[in-house]
Amino acid sequence: MGDRTDSSDHGFLGARTVNKQSQQQADTGPQLQPADERRRSQRVMIRIPVTLEVTIAGKKTTLSASTASVNDHGAMLLCTRNFPLETKFDLINDRTAQKQSCRVTRAALENPQGYLIPVEFAAPAPGFWHISFPPPGWKGLEN
């Protein structure tokens, strides 16, 4: 069915309908897209054990954590401890012993298992997680 395009004197849409194919669309420049389509890389929900090496009050501390989701630019970590925004630390993938420098990008969300902490790598690290990501534009099944 078409869209109503004629407006009446009162600001309401008119009675005539026009097929969408006949409407001219104005070039409004880049449009904002849903968050999933703006991502720099695909995100995969997966639990991977990690170790955090962080300096707290001048003392180097090692903490165990896991990922809730990962991508080539960082991860959402699940940790029993919260960290302030912009905290920098080294993240070690416990499966491979690879290390990557990170920083906390936003305030953590508290949940029953601990804190969900979004972190970003100092530089993109394709292959750090050693998993296969879905192809760009892939959408999972929706219920």
N, C-alpha and C. Protein backbone atom coordinates (compact mmCIF):
# COMPACT_ATOMS: atom_id res chain seq x y z
N MET A 1 0.83 -1.17 0.00
CA MET A 1 0.00 0.00 0.00
C MET A 1 0.88 1.24 0.00
N GLY A 2 0.37 2.34 -0.51
CA GLY A 2 1.16 3.55 -0.61
C GLY A 2 1.10 4.41 0.62
N ASP A 3 1.82 5.53 0.57
CA ASP A 3 1.83 6.51 1.64
C ASP A 3 1.02 7.72 1.23
N ARG A 4 0.39 8.38 2.18
CA ARG A 4 -0.34 9.63 1.90
C ARG A 4 0.68 10.75 1.86
N THR A 5 0.65 11.52 0.79
CA THR A 5 1.66 12.55 0.66
C THR A 5 1.10 13.95 0.57
N ASP A 6 -0.18 14.12 0.19
CA ASP A 6 -0.74 15.47 0.11
C ASP A 6 -1.19 15.91 1.48
N SER A 7 -0.84 17.12 1.88
CA SER A 7 -1.30 17.61 3.18
C SER A 7 -2.45 18.57 2.96
N SER A 8 -3.36 18.57 3.89
CA SER A 8 -4.49 19.49 3.81
C SER A 8 -4.11 20.82 4.42
N ASP A 9 -5.03 21.75 4.42
CA ASP A 9 -4.78 23.07 4.99
C ASP A 9 -4.59 23.01 6.50
N HIS A 10 -5.02 21.93 7.13
CA HIS A 10 -4.96 21.83 8.58
C HIS A 10 -3.74 21.05 9.07
N GLY A 11 -2.82 20.72 8.22
CA GLY A 11 -1.63 19.99 8.62
C GLY A 11 -1.80 18.49 8.67
N PHE A 12 -2.97 17.98 8.27
CA PHE A 12 -3.18 16.54 8.26
C PHE A 12 -2.81 15.98 6.90
N LEU A 13 -2.59 14.70 6.86
CA LEU A 13 -2.30 14.06 5.58
C LEU A 13 -3.53 14.06 4.71
N GLY A 14 -3.34 14.21 3.43
CA GLY A 14 -4.46 14.24 2.48
C GLY A 14 -5.01 12.86 2.21
N ALA A 15 -5.98 12.78 1.35
CA ALA A 15 -6.70 11.54 1.07
C ALA A 15 -6.02 10.70 0.00
N ARG A 16 -5.17 11.29 -0.81
CA ARG A 16 -4.55 10.57 -1.92
C ARG A 16 -3.36 9.76 -1.43
N THR A 17 -3.15 8.56 -1.98
CA THR A 17 -1.99 7.74 -1.66
C THR A 17 -1.09 7.63 -2.88
N VAL A 18 0.18 7.47 -2.64
CA VAL A 18 1.16 7.36 -3.71
C VAL A 18 2.02 6.15 -3.41
N ASN A 19 2.35 5.38 -4.44
CA ASN A 19 3.25 4.24 -4.25
C ASN A 19 4.60 4.73 -3.80
N LYS A 20 5.26 3.95 -2.95
CA LYS A 20 6.57 4.33 -2.43
C LYS A 20 7.60 4.50 -3.55
N GLN A 21 7.45 3.73 -4.62
CA GLN A 21 8.42 3.82 -5.70
C GLN A 21 8.38 5.18 -6.39
N SER A 22 7.24 5.88 -6.33
CA SER A 22 7.15 7.14 -7.04
C SER A 22 7.60 8.34 -6.20
N GLN A 23 7.82 8.11 -4.91
CA GLN A 23 8.27 9.21 -4.07
C GLN A 23 9.75 9.48 -4.32
N GLN A 24 10.12 10.74 -4.28
CA GLN A 24 11.53 11.09 -4.38
C GLN A 24 12.09 11.22 -2.98
N GLN A 25 13.24 10.61 -2.74
CA GLN A 25 13.84 10.68 -1.42
C GLN A 25 14.96 11.70 -1.45
N ALA A 26 14.94 12.61 -0.47
CA ALA A 26 15.97 13.63 -0.37
C ALA A 26 17.23 13.00 0.21
N ASP A 27 18.38 13.46 -0.24
CA ASP A 27 19.64 13.00 0.32
C ASP A 27 19.89 13.78 1.60
N THR A 28 19.74 13.09 2.72
CA THR A 28 19.91 13.75 4.02
C THR A 28 21.26 13.43 4.63
N GLY A 29 22.15 12.85 3.88
CA GLY A 29 23.47 12.52 4.40
C GLY A 29 23.46 11.22 5.18
N PRO A 30 24.54 10.94 5.89
CA PRO A 30 24.62 9.69 6.64
C PRO A 30 23.54 9.63 7.72
N GLN A 31 22.93 8.48 7.84
CA GLN A 31 21.89 8.28 8.84
C GLN A 31 22.45 7.46 9.99
N LEU A 32 21.97 7.75 11.21
CA LEU A 32 22.35 6.93 12.35
C LEU A 32 21.74 5.56 12.19
N GLN A 33 22.48 4.55 12.56
CA GLN A 33 22.02 3.19 12.44
C GLN A 33 21.90 2.58 13.82
N PRO A 34 21.12 1.51 13.95
CA PRO A 34 21.06 0.84 15.25
C PRO A 34 22.46 0.47 15.72
N ALA A 35 22.63 0.34 17.03
CA ALA A 35 23.95 0.11 17.62
C ALA A 35 24.67 -1.07 17.00
N ASP A 36 23.98 -2.18 16.74
CA ASP A 36 24.65 -3.35 16.17
C ASP A 36 25.23 -3.07 14.80
N GLU A 37 24.63 -2.16 14.04
CA GLU A 37 25.12 -1.86 12.70
C GLU A 37 26.22 -0.82 12.71
N ARG A 38 26.42 -0.12 13.83
CA ARG A 38 27.49 0.87 13.94
C ARG A 38 28.77 0.26 14.49
N ARG A 39 28.72 -0.96 14.97
CA ARG A 39 29.88 -1.58 15.59
C ARG A 39 31.05 -1.66 14.61
N ARG A 40 32.25 -1.54 15.14
CA ARG A 40 33.44 -1.62 14.31
C ARG A 40 33.75 -3.05 13.90
N SER A 41 33.32 -4.01 14.72
CA SER A 41 33.52 -5.42 14.39
C SER A 41 32.41 -6.24 15.03
N GLN A 42 32.23 -7.45 14.53
CA GLN A 42 31.17 -8.32 15.03
C GLN A 42 31.42 -8.65 16.50
N ARG A 43 30.35 -8.79 17.24
CA ARG A 43 30.43 -9.15 18.65
C ARG A 43 29.88 -10.57 18.80
N VAL A 44 30.57 -11.39 19.60
CA VAL A 44 30.14 -12.75 19.85
C VAL A 44 30.01 -12.95 21.35
N MET A 45 28.87 -13.50 21.76
CA MET A 45 28.65 -13.81 23.17
C MET A 45 29.36 -15.13 23.46
N ILE A 46 30.39 -15.08 24.31
CA ILE A 46 31.16 -16.28 24.63
C ILE A 46 31.88 -16.07 25.96
N ARG A 47 31.98 -17.14 26.72
CA ARG A 47 32.72 -17.11 27.99
C ARG A 47 34.14 -17.61 27.73
N ILE A 48 35.10 -16.74 27.96
CA ILE A 48 36.51 -17.10 27.83
C ILE A 48 37.17 -16.67 29.13
N PRO A 49 37.89 -17.56 29.80
CA PRO A 49 38.57 -17.16 31.03
C PRO A 49 39.73 -16.20 30.72
N VAL A 50 39.84 -15.14 31.51
CA VAL A 50 40.89 -14.15 31.33
C VAL A 50 41.49 -13.79 32.69
N THR A 51 42.68 -13.23 32.65
CA THR A 51 43.35 -12.72 33.84
C THR A 51 43.61 -11.24 33.61
N LEU A 52 43.34 -10.44 34.63
CA LEU A 52 43.59 -9.01 34.57
C LEU A 52 44.80 -8.68 35.42
N GLU A 53 45.77 -7.97 34.84
CA GLU A 53 46.92 -7.48 35.58
C GLU A 53 46.75 -5.97 35.70
N VAL A 54 46.41 -5.51 36.89
CA VAL A 54 46.09 -4.11 37.11
C VAL A 54 46.85 -3.58 38.31
N THR A 55 47.24 -2.32 38.26
CA THR A 55 47.91 -1.69 39.38
C THR A 55 46.88 -0.89 40.17
N ILE A 56 46.71 -1.27 41.44
CA ILE A 56 45.75 -0.62 42.33
C ILE A 56 46.51 -0.06 43.52
N ALA A 57 46.40 1.23 43.73
CA ALA A 57 47.10 1.92 44.83
C ALA A 57 48.59 1.62 44.81
N GLY A 58 49.19 1.61 43.61
CA GLY A 58 50.62 1.39 43.47
C GLY A 58 51.06 -0.05 43.57
N LYS A 59 50.12 -0.98 43.76
CA LYS A 59 50.46 -2.40 43.90
C LYS A 59 49.89 -3.19 42.73
N LYS A 60 50.75 -3.97 42.07
CA LYS A 60 50.29 -4.78 40.95
C LYS A 60 49.46 -5.95 41.48
N THR A 61 48.25 -6.09 40.91
CA THR A 61 47.29 -7.11 41.36
C THR A 61 46.86 -7.94 40.17
N THR A 62 46.64 -9.22 40.40
CA THR A 62 46.15 -10.14 39.37
C THR A 62 44.77 -10.63 39.79
N LEU A 63 43.80 -10.51 38.87
CA LEU A 63 42.43 -10.92 39.13
C LEU A 63 41.95 -11.87 38.04
N SER A 64 41.13 -12.83 38.42
CA SER A 64 40.50 -13.71 37.45
C SER A 64 39.17 -13.11 37.03
N ALA A 65 38.83 -13.28 35.77
CA ALA A 65 37.57 -12.80 35.22
C ALA A 65 37.21 -13.68 34.04
N SER A 66 36.13 -13.36 33.36
CA SER A 66 35.76 -14.05 32.13
C SER A 66 35.08 -13.04 31.22
N THR A 67 34.95 -13.40 29.97
CA THR A 67 34.27 -12.53 29.02
C THR A 67 32.79 -12.87 28.99
N ALA A 68 31.97 -11.88 28.72
CA ALA A 68 30.55 -12.11 28.43
C ALA A 68 30.34 -12.01 26.92
N SER A 69 31.12 -11.14 26.28
CA SER A 69 31.12 -11.02 24.83
C SER A 69 32.48 -10.48 24.40
N VAL A 70 32.84 -10.74 23.15
CA VAL A 70 34.14 -10.31 22.62
C VAL A 70 33.99 -9.76 21.21
N ASN A 71 34.95 -8.93 20.80
CA ASN A 71 35.09 -8.53 19.41
C ASN A 71 36.55 -8.19 19.16
N ASP A 72 36.89 -7.76 17.96
CA ASP A 72 38.28 -7.47 17.62
C ASP A 72 38.83 -6.24 18.33
N HIS A 73 37.96 -5.45 18.95
CA HIS A 73 38.37 -4.20 19.59
C HIS A 73 38.32 -4.25 21.11
N GLY A 74 37.86 -5.37 21.68
CA GLY A 74 37.78 -5.46 23.13
C GLY A 74 36.82 -6.54 23.59
N ALA A 75 36.16 -6.26 24.73
CA ALA A 75 35.28 -7.27 25.31
C ALA A 75 34.39 -6.64 26.37
N MET A 76 33.38 -7.40 26.75
CA MET A 76 32.59 -7.11 27.94
C MET A 76 33.05 -8.16 28.94
N LEU A 77 33.66 -7.70 30.03
CA LEU A 77 34.20 -8.62 31.02
C LEU A 77 33.23 -8.80 32.17
N LEU A 78 33.25 -9.97 32.76
CA LEU A 78 32.50 -10.25 33.98
C LEU A 78 33.53 -10.47 35.07
N CYS A 79 33.52 -9.57 36.07
CA CYS A 79 34.53 -9.59 37.12
C CYS A 79 33.86 -9.33 38.47
N THR A 80 34.44 -9.85 39.53
CA THR A 80 33.89 -9.64 40.87
C THR A 80 34.23 -8.26 41.42
N ARG A 81 35.12 -7.56 40.75
CA ARG A 81 35.54 -6.23 41.19
C ARG A 81 35.21 -5.19 40.13
N ASN A 82 34.83 -4.02 40.56
CA ASN A 82 34.52 -2.91 39.66
C ASN A 82 35.77 -2.04 39.47
N PHE A 83 35.85 -1.38 38.32
CA PHE A 83 36.96 -0.47 38.04
C PHE A 83 36.42 0.85 37.54
N PRO A 84 37.07 1.96 37.91
CA PRO A 84 36.62 3.27 37.41
C PRO A 84 36.85 3.41 35.90
N LEU A 85 36.10 4.32 35.32
CA LEU A 85 36.24 4.68 33.92
C LEU A 85 37.70 5.03 33.62
N GLU A 86 38.19 4.61 32.47
CA GLU A 86 39.55 4.87 31.98
C GLU A 86 40.65 4.09 32.70
N THR A 87 40.30 3.16 33.60
CA THR A 87 41.32 2.33 34.23
C THR A 87 42.02 1.52 33.14
N LYS A 88 43.35 1.49 33.18
CA LYS A 88 44.13 0.74 32.20
C LYS A 88 44.73 -0.49 32.88
N PHE A 89 44.77 -1.59 32.14
CA PHE A 89 45.34 -2.83 32.65
C PHE A 89 45.67 -3.75 31.49
N ASP A 90 46.38 -4.82 31.79
CA ASP A 90 46.67 -5.85 30.79
C ASP A 90 45.68 -6.99 30.98
N LEU A 91 45.15 -7.47 29.86
CA LEU A 91 44.21 -8.58 29.85
C LEU A 91 44.92 -9.76 29.21
N ILE A 92 44.89 -10.90 29.88
CA ILE A 92 45.53 -12.11 29.37
C ILE A 92 44.45 -13.13 29.02
N ASN A 93 44.48 -13.62 27.80
CA ASN A 93 43.59 -14.69 27.37
C ASN A 93 44.15 -15.98 27.99
N ASP A 94 43.45 -16.55 28.97
CA ASP A 94 43.96 -17.72 29.68
C ASP A 94 44.12 -18.94 28.78
N ARG A 95 43.40 -19.00 27.68
CA ARG A 95 43.50 -20.15 26.76
C ARG A 95 44.78 -20.13 25.93
N THR A 96 45.27 -18.90 25.65
CA THR A 96 46.43 -18.78 24.76
C THR A 96 47.63 -18.11 25.41
N ALA A 97 47.44 -17.50 26.57
CA ALA A 97 48.47 -16.74 27.29
C ALA A 97 48.85 -15.44 26.57
N GLN A 98 48.10 -15.06 25.54
CA GLN A 98 48.35 -13.78 24.87
C GLN A 98 47.90 -12.64 25.76
N LYS A 99 48.62 -11.52 25.68
CA LYS A 99 48.34 -10.36 26.51
C LYS A 99 47.98 -9.16 25.63
N GLN A 100 47.03 -8.36 26.10
CA GLN A 100 46.60 -7.17 25.37
C GLN A 100 46.35 -6.05 26.37
N SER A 101 46.85 -4.85 26.09
CA SER A 101 46.57 -3.68 26.94
C SER A 101 45.15 -3.19 26.68
N CYS A 102 44.44 -2.81 27.76
CA CYS A 102 43.04 -2.40 27.67
C CYS A 102 42.78 -1.17 28.52
N ARG A 103 41.58 -0.62 28.33
CA ARG A 103 41.08 0.44 29.21
C ARG A 103 39.58 0.27 29.34
N VAL A 104 39.07 0.68 30.50
CA VAL A 104 37.63 0.64 30.75
C VAL A 104 36.99 1.81 30.01
N THR A 105 35.98 1.54 29.20
CA THR A 105 35.40 2.59 28.36
C THR A 105 34.13 3.23 28.93
N ARG A 106 33.41 2.50 29.77
CA ARG A 106 32.17 3.03 30.36
C ARG A 106 32.03 2.46 31.77
N ALA A 107 31.11 3.03 32.52
CA ALA A 107 30.83 2.53 33.86
C ALA A 107 30.30 1.10 33.78
N ALA A 108 30.71 0.29 34.74
CA ALA A 108 30.28 -1.11 34.78
C ALA A 108 28.82 -1.22 35.18
N LEU A 109 28.20 -2.31 34.76
CA LEU A 109 26.84 -2.64 35.17
C LEU A 109 26.93 -3.77 36.19
N GLU A 110 26.28 -3.60 37.32
CA GLU A 110 26.31 -4.64 38.34
C GLU A 110 25.23 -5.68 38.02
N ASN A 111 25.58 -6.96 38.18
CA ASN A 111 24.61 -8.03 38.02
C ASN A 111 24.88 -9.09 39.09
N PRO A 112 24.06 -10.12 39.21
CA PRO A 112 24.25 -11.10 40.29
C PRO A 112 25.61 -11.81 40.29
N GLN A 113 26.25 -11.94 39.13
CA GLN A 113 27.56 -12.61 39.07
C GLN A 113 28.74 -11.67 39.32
N GLY A 114 28.51 -10.38 39.36
CA GLY A 114 29.60 -9.42 39.55
C GLY A 114 29.33 -8.16 38.76
N TYR A 115 30.36 -7.68 38.08
CA TYR A 115 30.26 -6.44 37.30
C TYR A 115 30.55 -6.74 35.83
N LEU A 116 29.72 -6.19 34.96
CA LEU A 116 29.97 -6.26 33.52
C LEU A 116 30.73 -5.00 33.15
N ILE A 117 31.98 -5.18 32.72
CA ILE A 117 32.88 -4.06 32.47
C ILE A 117 33.26 -4.01 30.99
N PRO A 118 32.86 -2.94 30.28
CA PRO A 118 33.25 -2.83 28.87
C PRO A 118 34.69 -2.32 28.76
N VAL A 119 35.50 -3.06 28.02
CA VAL A 119 36.90 -2.67 27.82
C VAL A 119 37.23 -2.61 26.34
N GLU A 120 38.17 -1.75 26.03
CA GLU A 120 38.64 -1.57 24.65
C GLU A 120 40.14 -1.83 24.63
N PHE A 121 40.59 -2.57 23.61
CA PHE A 121 42.02 -2.78 23.44
C PHE A 121 42.70 -1.48 23.06
N ALA A 122 43.98 -1.34 23.40
CA ALA A 122 44.75 -0.16 23.02
C ALA A 122 44.83 -0.05 21.49
N ALA A 123 44.81 -1.18 20.82
CA ALA A 123 44.81 -1.24 19.35
C ALA A 123 43.98 -2.45 18.95
N PRO A 124 43.28 -2.39 17.81
CA PRO A 124 42.50 -3.56 17.37
C PRO A 124 43.38 -4.81 17.35
N ALA A 125 42.80 -5.93 17.75
CA ALA A 125 43.56 -7.17 17.84
C ALA A 125 42.81 -8.33 17.20
N PRO A 126 42.65 -8.30 15.86
CA PRO A 126 42.00 -9.44 15.20
C PRO A 126 42.75 -10.73 15.52
N GLY A 127 42.03 -11.76 15.85
CA GLY A 127 42.66 -13.04 16.15
C GLY A 127 43.01 -13.24 17.61
N PHE A 128 42.91 -12.23 18.45
CA PHE A 128 43.27 -12.35 19.87
C PHE A 128 42.43 -13.43 20.56
N TRP A 129 41.16 -13.52 20.21
CA TRP A 129 40.26 -14.46 20.89
C TRP A 129 40.31 -15.87 20.30
N HIS A 130 40.91 -16.02 19.13
CA HIS A 130 41.03 -17.33 18.47
C HIS A 130 39.67 -18.01 18.30
N ILE A 131 38.72 -17.24 17.80
CA ILE A 131 37.40 -17.78 17.47
C ILE A 131 37.04 -17.29 16.07
N SER A 132 36.05 -17.92 15.47
CA SER A 132 35.55 -17.48 14.17
C SER A 132 34.36 -16.56 14.39
N PHE A 133 34.43 -15.36 13.85
CA PHE A 133 33.34 -14.41 13.96
C PHE A 133 32.39 -14.59 12.78
N PRO A 134 31.09 -14.29 12.98
CA PRO A 134 30.15 -14.37 11.85
C PRO A 134 30.50 -13.31 10.80
N PRO A 135 30.10 -13.51 9.56
CA PRO A 135 30.39 -12.53 8.52
C PRO A 135 29.66 -11.21 8.79
N PRO A 136 30.17 -10.08 8.27
CA PRO A 136 29.51 -8.79 8.46
C PRO A 136 28.06 -8.84 7.97
N GLY A 137 27.17 -8.20 8.73
CA GLY A 137 25.77 -8.15 8.35
C GLY A 137 24.96 -9.36 8.76
N TRP A 138 25.62 -10.37 9.35
CA TRP A 138 24.91 -11.57 9.76
C TRP A 138 23.99 -11.25 10.93
N LYS A 139 22.78 -11.79 10.88
CA LYS A 139 21.81 -11.62 11.95
C LYS A 139 21.40 -12.99 12.47
N GLY A 140 21.37 -13.15 13.77
CA GLY A 140 20.94 -14.40 14.38
C GLY A 140 19.43 -14.57 14.26
N LEU A 141 18.96 -15.73 14.62
CA LEU A 141 17.53 -16.00 14.61
C LEU A 141 16.85 -15.17 15.68
N GLU A 142 15.71 -14.63 15.33
CA GLU A 142 14.94 -13.84 16.29
C GLU A 142 13.75 -14.66 16.74
N ASN A 143 13.45 -14.60 18.03
CA ASN A 143 12.31 -15.36 18.56
C ASN A 143 11.02 -14.62 18.34
